[in-house]
Amino acid sequence: MAEKLRVLYKKTGKPPQIKIINDIFQLKNVIVKRKLSIMRYETVFMICQKGFVENAMPNLILTFQSIFGDLILVKIDREKREFESLSQEEIGWYFADLLNKSPKMRSKKYE
């Protein structure tokens, strides 16, 4: 049986959560069926919807684009072409980073 995968999951308007994915094959199927993008994000990868989502609030505001819809952060071993779990240090750093780039979370700091 495949190893469990520890990722950060960020739902729009909510703080990030640590999620354990037990079925990596199912995650790969969802990526293909929903035509999700996998893009480099700092030292990890982001799995998210492609493009703009009409009438939706952005989940993250980055320097040159906004991310709409839910997203997952995960590591990928590019040589083996396999997903890898985030380390505890990466989870801590990216948790704070995602909060900082989330429009709803940023506005809550000042209320």
PDB file of N, CA and C in Angstrom:
ATOM      1  N   MET A   1       0.840  -1.189   0.000  1.00  0.00           N
ATOM      2  CA  MET A   1       0.000   0.000   0.000  1.00  0.00           C
ATOM      3  C   MET A   1       0.879   1.244   0.000  1.00  0.00           C
ATOM      4  N   ALA A   2       0.449   2.259  -0.717  1.00  0.00           N
ATOM      5  CA  ALA A   2       1.217   3.494  -0.837  1.00  0.00           C
ATOM      6  C   ALA A   2       1.240   4.258   0.483  1.00  0.00           C
ATOM      7  N   GLU A   3       2.297   5.015   0.649  1.00  0.00           N
ATOM      8  CA  GLU A   3       2.457   5.842   1.840  1.00  0.00           C
ATOM      9  C   GLU A   3       1.426   6.962   1.847  1.00  0.00           C
ATOM     10  N   LYS A   4       0.998   7.355   3.042  1.00  0.00           N
ATOM     11  CA  LYS A   4       0.056   8.473   3.159  1.00  0.00           C
ATOM     12  C   LYS A   4       0.781   9.766   2.819  1.00  0.00           C
ATOM     13  N   LEU A   5       0.014  10.724   2.347  1.00  0.00           N
ATOM     14  CA  LEU A   5       0.562  11.993   1.889  1.00  0.00           C
ATOM     15  C   LEU A   5       0.032  13.115   2.776  1.00  0.00           C
ATOM     16  N   ARG A   6       0.940  13.904   3.367  1.00  0.00           N
ATOM     17  CA  ARG A   6       0.550  15.035   4.214  1.00  0.00           C
ATOM     18  C   ARG A   6       0.700  16.315   3.398  1.00  0.00           C
ATOM     19  N   VAL A   7      -0.431  17.043   3.243  1.00  0.00           N
ATOM     20  CA  VAL A   7      -0.477  18.250   2.418  1.00  0.00           C
ATOM     21  C   VAL A   7      -1.125  19.383   3.210  1.00  0.00           C
ATOM     22  N   LEU A   8      -1.023  20.590   2.671  1.00  0.00           N
ATOM     23  CA  LEU A   8      -1.807  21.717   3.182  1.00  0.00           C
ATOM     24  C   LEU A   8      -2.948  21.952   2.211  1.00  0.00           C
ATOM     25  N   TYR A   9      -4.160  22.024   2.741  1.00  0.00           N
ATOM     26  CA  TYR A   9      -5.370  22.262   1.946  1.00  0.00           C
ATOM     27  C   TYR A   9      -5.907  23.630   2.329  1.00  0.00           C
ATOM     28  N   LYS A  10      -6.223  24.463   1.333  1.00  0.00           N
ATOM     29  CA  LYS A  10      -6.738  25.807   1.592  1.00  0.00           C
ATOM     30  C   LYS A  10      -8.037  25.997   0.826  1.00  0.00           C
ATOM     31  N   LYS A  11      -9.126  26.090   1.557  1.00  0.00           N
ATOM     32  CA  LYS A  11     -10.445  26.382   0.985  1.00  0.00           C
ATOM     33  C   LYS A  11     -10.603  27.899   0.954  1.00  0.00           C
ATOM     34  N   THR A  12     -11.228  28.422  -0.077  1.00  0.00           N
ATOM     35  CA  THR A  12     -11.407  29.863  -0.211  1.00  0.00           C
ATOM     36  C   THR A  12     -12.098  30.448   1.022  1.00  0.00           C
ATOM     37  N   GLY A  13     -11.503  31.509   1.576  1.00  0.00           N
ATOM     38  CA  GLY A  13     -12.081  32.196   2.721  1.00  0.00           C
ATOM     39  C   GLY A  13     -11.832  31.516   4.053  1.00  0.00           C
ATOM     40  N   LYS A  14     -11.087  30.420   4.059  1.00  0.00           N
ATOM     41  CA  LYS A  14     -10.809  29.669   5.285  1.00  0.00           C
ATOM     42  C   LYS A  14      -9.303  29.573   5.494  1.00  0.00           C
ATOM     43  N   PRO A  15      -8.871  29.368   6.738  1.00  0.00           N
ATOM     44  CA  PRO A  15      -7.433  29.162   6.962  1.00  0.00           C
ATOM     45  C   PRO A  15      -6.991  27.795   6.431  1.00  0.00           C
ATOM     46  N   PRO A  16      -5.703  27.631   6.143  1.00  0.00           N
ATOM     47  CA  PRO A  16      -5.206  26.341   5.664  1.00  0.00           C
ATOM     48  C   PRO A  16      -5.398  25.245   6.725  1.00  0.00           C
ATOM     49  N   GLN A  17      -5.473  24.008   6.248  1.00  0.00           N
ATOM     50  CA  GLN A  17      -5.584  22.842   7.129  1.00  0.00           C
ATOM     51  C   GLN A  17      -4.599  21.780   6.666  1.00  0.00           C
ATOM     52  N   ILE A  18      -4.059  21.031   7.619  1.00  0.00           N
ATOM     53  CA  ILE A  18      -3.254  19.866   7.273  1.00  0.00           C
ATOM     54  C   ILE A  18      -4.223  18.745   6.924  1.00  0.00           C
ATOM     55  N   LYS A  19      -4.003  18.116   5.790  1.00  0.00           N
ATOM     56  CA  LYS A  19      -4.832  16.989   5.361  1.00  0.00           C
ATOM     57  C   LYS A  19      -3.929  15.796   5.081  1.00  0.00           C
ATOM     58  N   ILE A  20      -4.433  14.631   5.404  1.00  0.00           N
ATOM     59  CA  ILE A  20      -3.750  13.388   5.076  1.00  0.00           C
ATOM     60  C   ILE A  20      -4.509  12.733   3.926  1.00  0.00           C
ATOM     61  N   ILE A  21      -3.810  12.480   2.831  1.00  0.00           N
ATOM     62  CA  ILE A  21      -4.417  11.835   1.677  1.00  0.00           C
ATOM     63  C   ILE A  21      -3.980  10.376   1.700  1.00  0.00           C
ATOM     64  N   ASN A  22      -4.953   9.493   1.848  1.00  0.00           N
ATOM     65  CA  ASN A  22      -4.670   8.065   1.927  1.00  0.00           C
ATOM     66  C   ASN A  22      -4.568   7.397   0.564  1.00  0.00           C
ATOM     67  N   ASP A  23      -5.191   7.976  -0.446  1.00  0.00           N
ATOM     68  CA  ASP A  23      -5.236   7.364  -1.766  1.00  0.00           C
ATOM     69  C   ASP A  23      -4.640   8.324  -2.796  1.00  0.00           C
ATOM     70  N   ILE A  24      -3.345   8.189  -3.037  1.00  0.00           N
ATOM     71  CA  ILE A  24      -2.656   9.078  -3.971  1.00  0.00           C
ATOM     72  C   ILE A  24      -3.179   8.873  -5.392  1.00  0.00           C
ATOM     73  N   PHE A  25      -3.549   7.652  -5.743  1.00  0.00           N
ATOM     74  CA  PHE A  25      -4.105   7.373  -7.070  1.00  0.00           C
ATOM     75  C   PHE A  25      -5.383   8.176  -7.290  1.00  0.00           C
ATOM     76  N   GLN A  26      -6.222   8.270  -6.261  1.00  0.00           N
ATOM     77  CA  GLN A  26      -7.465   9.039  -6.373  1.00  0.00           C
ATOM     78  C   GLN A  26      -7.155  10.522  -6.578  1.00  0.00           C
ATOM     79  N   LEU A  27      -6.152  11.042  -5.879  1.00  0.00           N
ATOM     80  CA  LEU A  27      -5.741  12.437  -6.069  1.00  0.00           C
ATOM     81  C   LEU A  27      -5.311  12.659  -7.517  1.00  0.00           C
ATOM     82  N   LYS A  28      -4.532  11.743  -8.065  1.00  0.00           N
ATOM     83  CA  LYS A  28      -4.093  11.870  -9.458  1.00  0.00           C
ATOM     84  C   LYS A  28      -5.287  11.855 -10.414  1.00  0.00           C
ATOM     85  N   ASN A  29      -6.271  11.000 -10.137  1.00  0.00           N
ATOM     86  CA  ASN A  29      -7.480  10.957 -10.973  1.00  0.00           C
ATOM     87  C   ASN A  29      -8.248  12.272 -10.931  1.00  0.00           C
ATOM     88  N   VAL A  30      -8.377  12.863  -9.750  1.00  0.00           N
ATOM     89  CA  VAL A  30      -9.085  14.143  -9.614  1.00  0.00           C
ATOM     90  C   VAL A  30      -8.362  15.225 -10.414  1.00  0.00           C
ATOM     91  N   ILE A  31      -7.039  15.227 -10.375  1.00  0.00           N
ATOM     92  CA  ILE A  31      -6.258  16.213 -11.125  1.00  0.00           C
ATOM     93  C   ILE A  31      -6.556  16.094 -12.615  1.00  0.00           C
ATOM     94  N   VAL A  32      -6.582  14.875 -13.118  1.00  0.00           N
ATOM     95  CA  VAL A  32      -6.818  14.651 -14.544  1.00  0.00           C
ATOM     96  C   VAL A  32      -8.271  14.951 -14.916  1.00  0.00           C
ATOM     97  N   LYS A  33      -9.228  14.413 -14.162  1.00  0.00           N
ATOM     98  CA  LYS A  33     -10.648  14.576 -14.510  1.00  0.00           C
ATOM     99  C   LYS A  33     -11.112  16.025 -14.426  1.00  0.00           C
ATOM    100  N   ARG A  34     -10.658  16.730 -13.421  1.00  0.00           N
ATOM    101  CA  ARG A  34     -11.080  18.137 -13.263  1.00  0.00           C
ATOM    102  C   ARG A  34     -10.166  19.104 -13.990  1.00  0.00           C
ATOM    103  N   LYS A  35      -9.166  18.573 -14.657  1.00  0.00           N
ATOM    104  CA  LYS A  35      -8.210  19.385 -15.407  1.00  0.00           C
ATOM    105  C   LYS A  35      -7.583  20.462 -14.523  1.00  0.00           C
ATOM    106  N   LEU A  36      -7.111  20.041 -13.363  1.00  0.00           N
ATOM    107  CA  LEU A  36      -6.477  20.962 -12.429  1.00  0.00           C
ATOM    108  C   LEU A  36      -5.050  21.253 -12.862  1.00  0.00           C
ATOM    109  N   SER A  37      -4.571  22.413 -12.481  1.00  0.00           N
ATOM    110  CA  SER A  37      -3.195  22.812 -12.772  1.00  0.00           C
ATOM    111  C   SER A  37      -2.285  22.398 -11.626  1.00  0.00           C
ATOM    112  N   ILE A  38      -1.070  22.056 -11.986  1.00  0.00           N
ATOM    113  CA  ILE A  38      -0.015  21.854 -10.993  1.00  0.00           C
ATOM    114  C   ILE A  38       1.050  22.877 -11.336  1.00  0.00           C
ATOM    115  N   MET A  39       1.282  23.805 -10.406  1.00  0.00           N
ATOM    116  CA  MET A  39       2.251  24.856 -10.689  1.00  0.00           C
ATOM    117  C   MET A  39       3.229  25.016  -9.531  1.00  0.00           C
ATOM    118  N   ARG A  40       4.423  25.414  -9.870  1.00  0.00           N
ATOM    119  CA  ARG A  40       5.470  25.642  -8.870  1.00  0.00           C
ATOM    120  C   ARG A  40       5.045  26.790  -7.976  1.00  0.00           C
ATOM    121  N   TYR A  41       5.250  26.617  -6.671  1.00  0.00           N
ATOM    122  CA  TYR A  41       4.963  27.682  -5.711  1.00  0.00           C
ATOM    123  C   TYR A  41       6.076  27.656  -4.668  1.00  0.00           C
ATOM    124  N   GLU A  42       6.975  28.612  -4.753  1.00  0.00           N
ATOM    125  CA  GLU A  42       8.161  28.652  -3.892  1.00  0.00           C
ATOM    126  C   GLU A  42       8.935  27.337  -4.057  1.00  0.00           C
ATOM    127  N   THR A  43       9.058  26.523  -2.989  1.00  0.00           N
ATOM    128  CA  THR A  43       9.814  25.266  -3.072  1.00  0.00           C
ATOM    129  C   THR A  43       8.906  24.038  -3.176  1.00  0.00           C
ATOM    130  N   VAL A  44       7.594  24.249  -3.274  1.00  0.00           N
ATOM    131  CA  VAL A  44       6.632  23.142  -3.367  1.00  0.00           C
ATOM    132  C   VAL A  44       5.773  23.343  -4.620  1.00  0.00           C
ATOM    133  N   PHE A  45       4.676  22.589  -4.711  1.00  0.00           N
ATOM    134  CA  PHE A  45       3.777  22.714  -5.852  1.00  0.00           C
ATOM    135  C   PHE A  45       2.350  22.952  -5.374  1.00  0.00           C
ATOM    136  N   MET A  46       1.612  23.711  -6.166  1.00  0.00           N
ATOM    137  CA  MET A  46       0.217  24.026  -5.865  1.00  0.00           C
ATOM    138  C   MET A  46      -0.662  23.316  -6.887  1.00  0.00           C
ATOM    139  N   ILE A  47      -1.678  22.619  -6.385  1.00  0.00           N
ATOM    140  CA  ILE A  47      -2.680  21.984  -7.242  1.00  0.00           C
ATOM    141  C   ILE A  47      -3.936  22.835  -7.102  1.00  0.00           C
ATOM    142  N   CYS A  48      -4.397  23.402  -8.218  1.00  0.00           N
ATOM    143  CA  CYS A  48      -5.534  24.320  -8.158  1.00  0.00           C
ATOM    144  C   CYS A  48      -6.264  24.355  -9.497  1.00  0.00           C
ATOM    145  N   GLN A  49      -7.396  25.056  -9.522  1.00  0.00           N
ATOM    146  CA  GLN A  49      -8.156  25.228 -10.755  1.00  0.00           C
ATOM    147  C   GLN A  49      -7.393  26.128 -11.702  1.00  0.00           C
ATOM    148  N   LYS A  50      -7.664  25.959 -12.987  1.00  0.00           N
ATOM    149  CA  LYS A  50      -7.048  26.815 -13.994  1.00  0.00           C
ATOM    150  C   LYS A  50      -7.879  28.072 -14.169  1.00  0.00           C
ATOM    151  N   GLY A  51      -7.216  29.204 -14.218  1.00  0.00           N
ATOM    152  CA  GLY A  51      -7.864  30.442 -14.600  1.00  0.00           C
ATOM    153  C   GLY A  51      -8.815  31.056 -13.595  1.00  0.00           C
ATOM    154  N   PHE A  52      -9.595  31.989 -14.105  1.00  0.00           N
ATOM    155  CA  PHE A  52     -10.534  32.811 -13.343  1.00  0.00           C
ATOM    156  C   PHE A  52     -11.842  32.052 -13.134  1.00  0.00           C
ATOM    157  N   VAL A  53     -12.423  32.201 -11.959  1.00  0.00           N
ATOM    158  CA  VAL A  53     -13.729  31.607 -11.667  1.00  0.00           C
ATOM    159  C   VAL A  53     -14.712  32.766 -11.512  1.00  0.00           C
ATOM    160  N   GLU A  54     -15.720  32.806 -12.395  1.00  0.00           N
ATOM    161  CA  GLU A  54     -16.678  33.912 -12.413  1.00  0.00           C
ATOM    162  C   GLU A  54     -17.418  34.033 -11.081  1.00  0.00           C
ATOM    163  N   ASN A  55     -17.605  35.263 -10.623  1.00  0.00           N
ATOM    164  CA  ASN A  55     -18.326  35.595  -9.385  1.00  0.00           C
ATOM    165  C   ASN A  55     -17.726  34.929  -8.142  1.00  0.00           C
ATOM    166  N   ALA A  56     -16.442  34.682  -8.165  1.00  0.00           N
ATOM    167  CA  ALA A  56     -15.801  34.040  -7.014  1.00  0.00           C
ATOM    168  C   ALA A  56     -14.768  34.969  -6.399  1.00  0.00           C
ATOM    169  N   MET A  57     -14.643  34.890  -5.093  1.00  0.00           N
ATOM    170  CA  MET A  57     -13.618  35.625  -4.376  1.00  0.00           C
ATOM    171  C   MET A  57     -12.294  34.876  -4.544  1.00  0.00           C
ATOM    172  N   PRO A  58     -11.184  35.589  -4.755  1.00  0.00           N
ATOM    173  CA  PRO A  58      -9.910  34.878  -4.876  1.00  0.00           C
ATOM    174  C   PRO A  58      -9.535  34.198  -3.558  1.00  0.00           C
ATOM    175  N   ASN A  59      -8.890  33.061  -3.674  1.00  0.00           N
ATOM    176  CA  ASN A  59      -8.401  32.335  -2.506  1.00  0.00           C
ATOM    177  C   ASN A  59      -7.068  32.915  -2.058  1.00  0.00           C
ATOM    178  N   LEU A  60      -6.188  33.199  -3.013  1.00  0.00           N
ATOM    179  CA  LEU A  60      -4.883  33.804  -2.736  1.00  0.00           C
ATOM    180  C   LEU A  60      -4.635  34.935  -3.713  1.00  0.00           C
ATOM    181  N   ILE A  61      -3.965  35.967  -3.244  1.00  0.00           N
ATOM    182  CA  ILE A  61      -3.539  37.053  -4.128  1.00  0.00           C
ATOM    183  C   ILE A  61      -2.021  37.017  -4.163  1.00  0.00           C
ATOM    184  N   LEU A  62      -1.484  36.639  -5.328  1.00  0.00           N
ATOM    185  CA  LEU A  62      -0.045  36.553  -5.522  1.00  0.00           C
ATOM    186  C   LEU A  62       0.432  37.794  -6.259  1.00  0.00           C
ATOM    187  N   THR A  63       1.717  37.914  -6.474  1.00  0.00           N
ATOM    188  CA  THR A  63       2.279  39.097  -7.113  1.00  0.00           C
ATOM    189  C   THR A  63       1.715  39.345  -8.507  1.00  0.00           C
ATOM    190  N   PHE A  64       1.650  38.320  -9.349  1.00  0.00           N
ATOM    191  CA  PHE A  64       1.230  38.522 -10.734  1.00  0.00           C
ATOM    192  C   PHE A  64      -0.077  37.843 -11.091  1.00  0.00           C
ATOM    193  N   GLN A  65      -0.744  37.207 -10.129  1.00  0.00           N
ATOM    194  CA  GLN A  65      -2.016  36.546 -10.411  1.00  0.00           C
ATOM    195  C   GLN A  65      -2.761  36.251  -9.121  1.00  0.00           C
ATOM    196  N   SER A  66      -4.032  35.963  -9.261  1.00  0.00           N
ATOM    197  CA  SER A  66      -4.839  35.502  -8.132  1.00  0.00           C
ATOM    198  C   SER A  66      -5.212  34.050  -8.377  1.00  0.00           C
ATOM    199  N   ILE A  67      -5.364  33.303  -7.291  1.00  0.00           N
ATOM    200  CA  ILE A  67      -5.760  31.899  -7.369  1.00  0.00           C
ATOM    201  C   ILE A  67      -7.202  31.811  -6.889  1.00  0.00           C
ATOM    202  N   PHE A  68      -8.068  31.217  -7.707  1.00  0.00           N
ATOM    203  CA  PHE A  68      -9.480  31.053  -7.375  1.00  0.00           C
ATOM    204  C   PHE A  68      -9.749  29.587  -7.085  1.00  0.00           C
ATOM    205  N   GLY A  69     -10.645  29.327  -6.162  1.00  0.00           N
ATOM    206  CA  GLY A  69     -10.992  27.951  -5.826  1.00  0.00           C
ATOM    207  C   GLY A  69     -10.042  27.362  -4.798  1.00  0.00           C
ATOM    208  N   ASP A  70     -10.399  26.180  -4.329  1.00  0.00           N
ATOM    209  CA  ASP A  70      -9.603  25.498  -3.321  1.00  0.00           C
ATOM    210  C   ASP A  70      -8.267  25.065  -3.914  1.00  0.00           C
ATOM    211  N   LEU A  71      -7.282  24.863  -3.041  1.00  0.00           N
ATOM    212  CA  LEU A  71      -5.958  24.464  -3.509  1.00  0.00           C
ATOM    213  C   LEU A  71      -5.298  23.529  -2.507  1.00  0.00           C
ATOM    214  N   ILE A  72      -4.299  22.831  -2.991  1.00  0.00           N
ATOM    215  CA  ILE A  72      -3.488  21.926  -2.177  1.00  0.00           C
ATOM    216  C   ILE A  72      -2.030  22.263  -2.424  1.00  0.00           C
ATOM    217  N   LEU A  73      -1.225  22.296  -1.358  1.00  0.00           N
ATOM    218  CA  LEU A  73       0.223  22.413  -1.490  1.00  0.00           C
ATOM    219  C   LEU A  73       0.841  21.060  -1.183  1.00  0.00           C
ATOM    220  N   VAL A  74       1.774  20.625  -2.029  1.00  0.00           N
ATOM    221  CA  VAL A  74       2.411  19.320  -1.887  1.00  0.00           C
ATOM    222  C   VAL A  74       3.812  19.395  -2.496  1.00  0.00           C
ATOM    223  N   LYS A  75       4.689  18.508  -2.073  1.00  0.00           N
ATOM    224  CA  LYS A  75       6.001  18.395  -2.712  1.00  0.00           C
ATOM    225  C   LYS A  75       5.908  17.354  -3.813  1.00  0.00           C
ATOM    226  N   ILE A  76       6.747  17.508  -4.832  1.00  0.00           N
ATOM    227  CA  ILE A  76       6.824  16.525  -5.912  1.00  0.00           C
ATOM    228  C   ILE A  76       8.290  16.219  -6.171  1.00  0.00           C
ATOM    229  N   ASP A  77       8.625  14.939  -6.149  1.00  0.00           N
ATOM    230  CA  ASP A  77       9.956  14.497  -6.563  1.00  0.00           C
ATOM    231  C   ASP A  77       9.934  14.456  -8.083  1.00  0.00           C
ATOM    232  N   ARG A  78      10.590  15.413  -8.700  1.00  0.00           N
ATOM    233  CA  ARG A  78      10.504  15.559 -10.158  1.00  0.00           C
ATOM    234  C   ARG A  78      11.173  14.406 -10.899  1.00  0.00           C
ATOM    235  N   GLU A  79      12.230  13.826 -10.334  1.00  0.00           N
ATOM    236  CA  GLU A  79      12.893  12.701 -10.996  1.00  0.00           C
ATOM    237  C   GLU A  79      12.014  11.457 -10.976  1.00  0.00           C
ATOM    238  N   LYS A  80      11.410  11.169  -9.826  1.00  0.00           N
ATOM    239  CA  LYS A  80      10.547   9.992  -9.691  1.00  0.00           C
ATOM    240  C   LYS A  80       9.126  10.260 -10.177  1.00  0.00           C
ATOM    241  N   ARG A  81       8.791  11.549 -10.337  1.00  0.00           N
ATOM    242  CA  ARG A  81       7.441  11.980 -10.733  1.00  0.00           C
ATOM    243  C   ARG A  81       6.399  11.476  -9.738  1.00  0.00           C
ATOM    244  N   GLU A  82       6.713  11.648  -8.447  1.00  0.00           N
ATOM    245  CA  GLU A  82       5.830  11.188  -7.374  1.00  0.00           C
ATOM    246  C   GLU A  82       5.584  12.314  -6.376  1.00  0.00           C
ATOM    247  N   PHE A  83       4.373  12.315  -5.804  1.00  0.00           N
ATOM    248  CA  PHE A  83       4.053  13.262  -4.731  1.00  0.00           C
ATOM    249  C   PHE A  83       4.801  12.871  -3.466  1.00  0.00           C
ATOM    250  N   GLU A  84       5.135  13.887  -2.653  1.00  0.00           N
ATOM    251  CA  GLU A  84       5.773  13.662  -1.362  1.00  0.00           C
ATOM    252  C   GLU A  84       5.091  14.537  -0.319  1.00  0.00           C
ATOM    253  N   SER A  85       5.111  14.088   0.924  1.00  0.00           N
ATOM    254  CA  SER A  85       4.529  14.852   2.031  1.00  0.00           C
ATOM    255  C   SER A  85       5.346  16.092   2.331  1.00  0.00           C
ATOM    256  N   LEU A  86       4.651  17.110   2.827  1.00  0.00           N
ATOM    257  CA  LEU A  86       5.331  18.300   3.332  1.00  0.00           C
ATOM    258  C   LEU A  86       5.940  17.979   4.697  1.00  0.00           C
ATOM    259  N   SER A  87       7.095  18.567   4.976  1.00  0.00           N
ATOM    260  CA  SER A  87       7.709  18.407   6.301  1.00  0.00           C
ATOM    261  C   SER A  87       6.978  19.306   7.305  1.00  0.00           C
ATOM    262  N   GLN A  88       7.215  19.083   8.574  1.00  0.00           N
ATOM    263  CA  GLN A  88       6.600  19.911   9.607  1.00  0.00           C
ATOM    264  C   GLN A  88       7.027  21.373   9.469  1.00  0.00           C
ATOM    265  N   GLU A  89       8.289  21.598   9.119  1.00  0.00           N
ATOM    266  CA  GLU A  89       8.794  22.963   8.926  1.00  0.00           C
ATOM    267  C   GLU A  89       8.115  23.633   7.738  1.00  0.00           C
ATOM    268  N   GLU A  90       7.947  22.890   6.646  1.00  0.00           N
ATOM    269  CA  GLU A  90       7.268  23.445   5.469  1.00  0.00           C
ATOM    270  C   GLU A  90       5.812  23.766   5.787  1.00  0.00           C
ATOM    271  N   ILE A  91       5.152  22.905   6.525  1.00  0.00           N
ATOM    272  CA  ILE A  91       3.760  23.158   6.898  1.00  0.00           C
ATOM    273  C   ILE A  91       3.654  24.455   7.698  1.00  0.00           C
ATOM    274  N   GLY A  92       4.532  24.657   8.658  1.00  0.00           N
ATOM    275  CA  GLY A  92       4.514  25.886   9.463  1.00  0.00           C
ATOM    276  C   GLY A  92       4.744  27.124   8.617  1.00  0.00           C
ATOM    277  N   TRP A  93       5.748  27.081   7.734  1.00  0.00           N
ATOM    278  CA  TRP A  93       6.076  28.239   6.914  1.00  0.00           C
ATOM    279  C   TRP A  93       4.961  28.538   5.925  1.00  0.00           C
ATOM    280  N   TYR A  94       4.485  27.515   5.207  1.00  0.00           N
ATOM    281  CA  TYR A  94       3.451  27.731   4.193  1.00  0.00           C
ATOM    282  C   TYR A  94       2.092  28.059   4.803  1.00  0.00           C
ATOM    283  N   PHE A  95       1.808  27.568   5.993  1.00  0.00           N
ATOM    284  CA  PHE A  95       0.564  27.934   6.679  1.00  0.00           C
ATOM    285  C   PHE A  95       0.521  29.453   6.860  1.00  0.00           C
ATOM    286  N   ALA A  96       1.598  30.020   7.411  1.00  0.00           N
ATOM    287  CA  ALA A  96       1.666  31.473   7.614  1.00  0.00           C
ATOM    288  C   ALA A  96       1.655  32.218   6.283  1.00  0.00           C
ATOM    289  N   ASP A  97       2.359  31.703   5.285  1.00  0.00           N
ATOM    290  CA  ASP A  97       2.422  32.337   3.973  1.00  0.00           C
ATOM    291  C   ASP A  97       1.044  32.386   3.310  1.00  0.00           C
ATOM    292  N   LEU A  98       0.304  31.274   3.366  1.00  0.00           N
ATOM    293  CA  LEU A  98      -1.034  31.252   2.769  1.00  0.00           C
ATOM    294  C   LEU A  98      -1.982  32.204   3.493  1.00  0.00           C
ATOM    295  N   LEU A  99      -1.890  32.261   4.812  1.00  0.00           N
ATOM    296  CA  LEU A  99      -2.726  33.219   5.560  1.00  0.00           C
ATOM    297  C   LEU A  99      -2.441  34.645   5.124  1.00  0.00           C
ATOM    298  N   ASN A 100      -1.169  34.965   4.961  1.00  0.00           N
ATOM    299  CA  ASN A 100      -0.765  36.313   4.585  1.00  0.00           C
ATOM    300  C   ASN A 100      -1.251  36.705   3.192  1.00  0.00           C
ATOM    301  N   LYS A 101      -1.399  35.733   2.302  1.00  0.00           N
ATOM    302  CA  LYS A 101      -1.799  36.021   0.922  1.00  0.00           C
ATOM    303  C   LYS A 101      -3.283  35.786   0.675  1.00  0.00           C
ATOM    304  N   SER A 102      -4.020  35.476   1.716  1.00  0.00           N
ATOM    305  CA  SER A 102      -5.456  35.256   1.601  1.00  0.00           C
ATOM    306  C   SER A 102      -6.185  36.555   1.890  1.00  0.00           C
ATOM    307  N   PRO A 103      -7.003  37.062   0.944  1.00  0.00           N
ATOM    308  CA  PRO A 103      -7.660  38.359   1.159  1.00  0.00           C
ATOM    309  C   PRO A 103      -8.548  38.384   2.400  1.00  0.00           C
ATOM    310  N   LYS A 104      -9.280  37.338   2.651  1.00  0.00           N
ATOM    311  CA  LYS A 104     -10.180  37.314   3.798  1.00  0.00           C
ATOM    312  C   LYS A 104      -9.389  37.260   5.114  1.00  0.00           C
ATOM    313  N   MET A 105      -8.327  36.483   5.138  1.00  0.00           N
ATOM    314  CA  MET A 105      -7.523  36.353   6.348  1.00  0.00           C
ATOM    315  C   MET A 105      -6.767  37.646   6.634  1.00  0.00           C
ATOM    316  N   ARG A 106      -6.284  38.323   5.589  1.00  0.00           N
ATOM    317  CA  ARG A 106      -5.565  39.590   5.775  1.00  0.00           C
ATOM    318  C   ARG A 106      -6.474  40.643   6.373  1.00  0.00           C
ATOM    319  N   SER A 107      -7.722  40.728   5.901  1.00  0.00           N
ATOM    320  CA  SER A 107      -8.630  41.752   6.400  1.00  0.00           C
ATOM    321  C   SER A 107      -9.011  41.487   7.847  1.00  0.00           C
ATOM    322  N   LYS A 108      -9.025  40.226   8.273  1.00  0.00           N
ATOM    323  CA  LYS A 108      -9.380  39.897   9.662  1.00  0.00           C
ATOM    324  C   LYS A 108      -8.328  40.389  10.647  1.00  0.00           C
ATOM    325  N   LYS A 109      -7.076  40.505  10.201  1.00  0.00           N
ATOM    326  CA  LYS A 109      -6.005  40.973  11.081  1.00  0.00           C
ATOM    327  C   LYS A 109      -6.286  42.388  11.591  1.00  0.00           C
ATOM    328  N   TYR A 110      -6.938  43.191  10.765  1.00  0.00           N
ATOM    329  CA  TYR A 110      -7.115  44.602  11.088  1.00  0.00           C
ATOM    330  C   TYR A 110      -8.464  44.921  11.710  1.00  0.00           C
ATOM    331  N   GLU A 111      -9.324  43.929  11.888  1.00  0.00           N
ATOM    332  CA  GLU A 111     -10.644  44.190  12.457  1.00  0.00           C
ATOM    333  C   GLU A 111     -10.573  44.265  13.973  1.00  0.00           C
TER     334      GLU A 111
END
